[in-house]
Amino acid sequence: MKGRKISLPIGGKLAQVTINQLVKVSLRTKDVSEAKERHRKASAALDDVWEAIRSGPKPLSFKQIQALAGEFYRL
């Protein structure tokens, strides 16, 4: 995973982060309570990324495939 880029939610926006030995990103605030909340959300998103990597790709249902095809068609 080292060198791959992922997106983490920081303050209502997505921040692009490169994975190294550590994953570091600015929380873009000086307010301590806001920083704690942003850290909680970013950490939860990072945990989701690690879990997705560990479990690998999952098969899609027919309904999910149709939904993705519709989005692709609209684009």
Protein backbone atom coordinates (compact mmCIF):
# COMPACT_ATOMS: atom_id res chain seq x y z
CA MET A 1 0.00 0.00 0.00
CA LYS A 2 2.95 2.32 0.45
CA GLY A 3 2.81 5.14 -2.09
CA ARG A 4 -0.91 4.78 -2.87
CA LYS A 5 -3.19 7.78 -2.54
CA ILE A 6 -6.44 7.73 -0.58
CA SER A 7 -9.03 10.39 0.27
CA LEU A 8 -10.02 11.21 3.85
CA PRO A 9 -12.84 13.53 4.96
CA ILE A 10 -11.44 16.67 6.60
CA GLY A 11 -13.83 19.49 7.48
CA GLY A 12 -16.52 18.56 4.95
CA LYS A 13 -14.03 18.14 2.08
CA LEU A 14 -11.88 15.25 0.92
CA ALA A 15 -8.13 15.49 1.46
CA GLN A 16 -5.82 13.45 -0.78
CA VAL A 17 -3.21 11.58 1.32
CA THR A 18 -0.29 9.36 0.32
CA ILE A 19 0.21 6.23 2.40
CA ASN A 20 3.70 5.84 3.84
CA GLN A 21 4.82 4.31 7.14
CA LEU A 22 2.54 6.91 8.68
CA VAL A 23 -0.58 8.52 7.26
CA LYS A 24 -0.38 12.25 8.03
CA VAL A 25 -2.87 14.93 7.10
CA SER A 26 -3.61 18.43 8.37
CA LEU A 27 -6.95 18.79 10.15
CA ARG A 28 -7.09 22.41 8.89
CA THR A 29 -8.26 23.96 12.15
CA LYS A 30 -6.80 25.44 15.33
CA ASP A 31 -9.92 24.84 17.42
CA VAL A 32 -9.25 21.86 19.72
CA SER A 33 -12.82 20.55 19.87
CA GLU A 34 -13.18 20.81 16.08
CA ALA A 35 -9.81 19.07 15.62
CA LYS A 36 -10.94 16.17 17.83
CA GLU A 37 -14.12 15.74 15.79
CA ARG A 38 -12.25 15.89 12.48
CA HIS A 39 -9.68 13.40 13.78
CA ARG A 40 -12.45 11.01 14.82
CA LYS A 41 -14.05 11.13 11.36
CA ALA A 42 -10.74 10.82 9.48
CA SER A 43 -9.63 7.93 11.70
CA ALA A 44 -12.91 6.09 11.14
CA ALA A 45 -12.56 6.56 7.36
CA LEU A 46 -8.97 5.28 7.50
CA ASP A 47 -10.14 2.23 9.49
CA ASP A 48 -12.69 1.57 6.72
CA VAL A 49 -9.90 1.75 4.11
CA TRP A 50 -7.77 -0.76 6.02
CA GLU A 51 -10.73 -3.12 6.45
CA ALA A 52 -11.55 -2.92 2.73
CA ILE A 53 -7.94 -3.74 1.87
CA ARG A 54 -7.89 -6.71 4.25
CA SER A 55 -11.18 -8.19 3.07
CA GLY A 56 -10.55 -7.66 -0.65
CA PRO A 57 -13.12 -6.98 -3.35
CA LYS A 58 -16.68 -8.12 -2.72
CA PRO A 59 -19.10 -9.32 -5.39
CA LEU A 60 -21.86 -6.88 -6.39
CA SER A 61 -25.53 -7.77 -6.50
CA PHE A 62 -27.41 -7.37 -9.77
CA LYS A 63 -29.18 -4.31 -8.34
CA GLN A 64 -25.83 -2.67 -7.45
CA ILE A 65 -24.50 -3.40 -10.94
CA GLN A 66 -27.57 -1.76 -12.50
CA ALA A 67 -27.17 1.31 -10.25
CA LEU A 68 -23.51 1.71 -11.20
CA ALA A 69 -24.33 1.24 -14.89
CA GLY A 70 -26.94 4.01 -14.61
CA GLU A 71 -24.42 6.38 -13.03
CA PHE A 72 -21.86 5.54 -15.72
CA TYR A 73 -24.43 6.14 -18.46
CA ARG A 74 -25.37 9.55 -17.03
CA LEU A 75 -21.71 10.60 -16.97
